[in-house]
């Protein structure tokens, strides 16, 4: 049996976590709305604008996934990093020297390889609870 103070601390941490996620979601929606207003006022949509909106959607998806599963996959921040670096490359390409451009593209490549490595590791060496869940899903799907 857990002590009441431990239960209270767990409840408080959960509350702060949910408030933080709500703040992140609200701020992201506000930022998306602000970006749409900028695009409407300019009567123009650029690739950089679309990539920025995609970044906002990734953040919202990450918050939604965290709410749904209670887990925050490492891959989502990596995806966000890749899109952010691509956006940076697109916006500042003309002002970049060759070495900086190579560094940014190399960083994107490293993040891509990290995602592939994580995916491979997750499929090849899943967590113990996930193996049982996958077997249960496979048994149910093979019966249908």
Protein backbone atom coordinates (compact mmCIF):
# COMPACT_ATOMS: atom_id res chain seq x y z
CA UNK A 1 0.00 0.00 0.00
CA UNK A 2 1.35 3.38 -0.96
CA UNK A 3 1.62 6.14 1.58
CA UNK A 4 -0.83 9.04 1.23
CA UNK A 5 2.02 11.50 0.62
CA UNK A 6 3.25 9.39 -2.32
CA UNK A 7 -0.24 9.30 -3.81
CA UNK A 8 -0.57 13.06 -3.38
CA UNK A 9 2.83 13.66 -5.01
CA UNK A 10 1.92 11.39 -7.91
CA UNK A 11 -1.38 13.21 -8.34
CA UNK A 12 0.34 16.63 -8.24
CA UNK A 13 2.95 15.59 -10.80
CA UNK A 14 0.22 14.26 -13.06
CA UNK A 15 -1.72 17.51 -12.69
CA UNK A 16 1.33 19.63 -13.57
CA UNK A 17 2.04 17.33 -16.52
CA UNK A 18 -1.49 17.71 -17.87
CA UNK A 19 -1.47 21.48 -17.36
CA UNK A 20 1.85 21.66 -19.21
CA UNK A 21 0.48 19.60 -22.10
CA UNK A 22 -2.60 21.80 -22.25
CA UNK A 23 -0.45 24.95 -22.33
CA UNK A 24 1.68 23.46 -25.12
CA UNK A 25 -1.42 22.53 -27.13
CA UNK A 26 -3.06 25.94 -26.68
CA UNK A 27 0.16 27.79 -27.53
CA UNK A 28 0.63 25.63 -30.63
CA UNK A 29 -2.92 26.28 -31.84
CA UNK A 30 -2.43 30.00 -31.20
CA UNK A 31 0.85 29.97 -33.16
CA UNK A 32 -0.83 28.11 -36.02
CA UNK A 33 -3.63 30.65 -36.10
CA UNK A 34 -1.15 33.52 -36.08
CA UNK A 35 0.73 31.98 -38.99
CA UNK A 36 -2.48 31.53 -40.97
CA UNK A 37 -3.35 35.20 -40.36
CA UNK A 38 0.10 36.20 -41.66
CA UNK A 39 -0.42 34.08 -44.79
CA UNK A 40 -3.90 35.53 -45.39
CA UNK A 41 -2.65 39.11 -44.95
CA UNK A 42 0.23 38.49 -47.33
CA UNK A 43 -2.11 36.67 -49.75
CA UNK A 44 0.73 34.25 -50.27
CA UNK A 45 1.73 30.82 -49.00
CA UNK A 46 5.36 29.83 -49.19
CA UNK A 47 7.03 26.48 -48.67
CA UNK A 48 8.52 27.84 -45.45
CA UNK A 49 4.99 28.64 -44.21
CA UNK A 50 3.81 25.12 -44.98
CA UNK A 51 6.80 23.59 -43.21
CA UNK A 52 6.14 25.76 -40.18
CA UNK A 53 2.51 24.61 -40.10
CA UNK A 54 3.75 21.04 -40.41
CA UNK A 55 5.98 21.61 -37.38
CA UNK A 56 2.97 22.83 -35.42
CA UNK A 57 0.99 19.76 -36.46
CA UNK A 58 3.84 17.50 -35.33
CA UNK A 59 3.82 19.16 -31.92
CA UNK A 60 0.05 18.68 -31.65
CA UNK A 61 0.40 15.05 -32.74
CA UNK A 62 3.07 14.54 -30.11
CA UNK A 63 0.78 15.98 -27.41
CA UNK A 64 -2.12 13.83 -28.66
CA UNK A 65 0.01 10.71 -28.71
CA UNK A 66 1.23 11.41 -25.22
CA UNK A 67 -2.35 11.80 -24.01
CA UNK A 68 -3.40 8.61 -25.80
CA UNK A 69 -0.59 6.30 -24.78
CA UNK A 70 1.15 8.01 -21.88
CA UNK A 71 4.41 7.61 -23.78
CA UNK A 72 6.44 10.12 -25.71
CA UNK A 73 8.24 8.43 -28.60
CA UNK A 74 11.71 9.72 -29.31
CA UNK A 75 10.99 9.73 -33.02
CA UNK A 76 8.57 12.68 -32.93
CA UNK A 77 11.14 15.23 -31.72
CA UNK A 78 13.53 13.84 -34.33
CA UNK A 79 10.92 14.40 -37.05
CA UNK A 80 10.38 17.92 -35.76
CA UNK A 81 14.13 18.52 -35.84
CA UNK A 82 14.37 17.29 -39.43
CA UNK A 83 11.55 19.54 -40.60
CA UNK A 84 12.97 22.50 -38.66
CA UNK A 85 16.38 22.02 -40.25
CA UNK A 86 14.79 21.67 -43.70
CA UNK A 87 12.88 24.89 -43.11
CA UNK A 88 16.08 26.63 -41.99
CA UNK A 89 17.85 25.36 -45.10
CA UNK A 90 15.06 26.59 -47.37
CA UNK A 91 14.83 30.03 -45.74
CA UNK A 92 18.55 30.79 -45.54
CA UNK A 93 19.98 28.81 -48.44
CA UNK A 94 21.08 31.87 -50.40
CA UNK A 95 22.88 33.38 -47.39
CA UNK A 96 24.62 30.13 -46.39
CA UNK A 97 28.13 29.23 -47.32
CA UNK A 98 28.86 25.75 -48.62
CA UNK A 99 30.11 24.38 -45.30
CA UNK A 100 27.05 25.51 -43.36
CA UNK A 101 24.78 24.01 -46.01
CA UNK A 102 26.69 20.72 -45.79
CA UNK A 103 26.46 20.81 -41.99
CA UNK A 104 22.69 21.32 -42.06
CA UNK A 105 22.12 18.59 -44.64
CA UNK A 106 24.47 16.30 -42.73
CA UNK A 107 22.45 16.99 -39.58
CA UNK A 108 19.25 16.05 -41.38
CA UNK A 109 20.91 12.86 -42.57
CA UNK A 110 22.07 12.03 -39.04
CA UNK A 111 18.56 12.56 -37.67
CA UNK A 112 17.16 10.35 -40.44
CA UNK A 113 19.63 7.60 -39.58
CA UNK A 114 18.73 7.96 -35.91
CA UNK A 115 15.04 7.46 -36.76
CA UNK A 116 15.90 4.37 -38.82
CA UNK A 117 18.05 2.99 -36.02
CA UNK A 118 15.33 3.60 -33.44
CA UNK A 119 12.71 1.96 -35.68
CA UNK A 120 14.96 -1.03 -36.29
CA UNK A 121 15.72 -1.35 -32.60
CA UNK A 122 12.06 -1.06 -31.68
CA UNK A 123 11.02 -3.74 -34.17
CA UNK A 124 13.96 -6.05 -33.49
CA UNK A 125 14.10 -5.58 -29.71
CA UNK A 126 10.61 -4.51 -28.53
CA UNK A 127 9.79 -3.86 -24.90
CA UNK A 128 8.56 -6.99 -23.07
CA UNK A 129 4.96 -5.76 -22.70
CA UNK A 130 4.76 -4.85 -26.38
CA UNK A 131 5.71 -8.36 -27.48
CA UNK A 132 2.68 -9.79 -25.70
CA UNK A 133 0.40 -7.07 -27.08
CA UNK A 134 1.67 -7.69 -30.63
CA UNK A 135 1.13 -11.44 -30.27
CA UNK A 136 -2.40 -10.84 -29.00
CA UNK A 137 -3.15 -8.53 -31.97
CA UNK A 138 -1.73 -11.10 -34.41
CA UNK A 139 -3.80 -13.91 -32.88
CA UNK A 140 -6.99 -11.85 -33.13
CA UNK A 141 -6.31 -10.81 -36.72
CA UNK A 142 -5.50 -14.36 -37.86
CA UNK A 143 -8.81 -15.64 -36.45
CA UNK A 144 -10.83 -13.12 -38.48
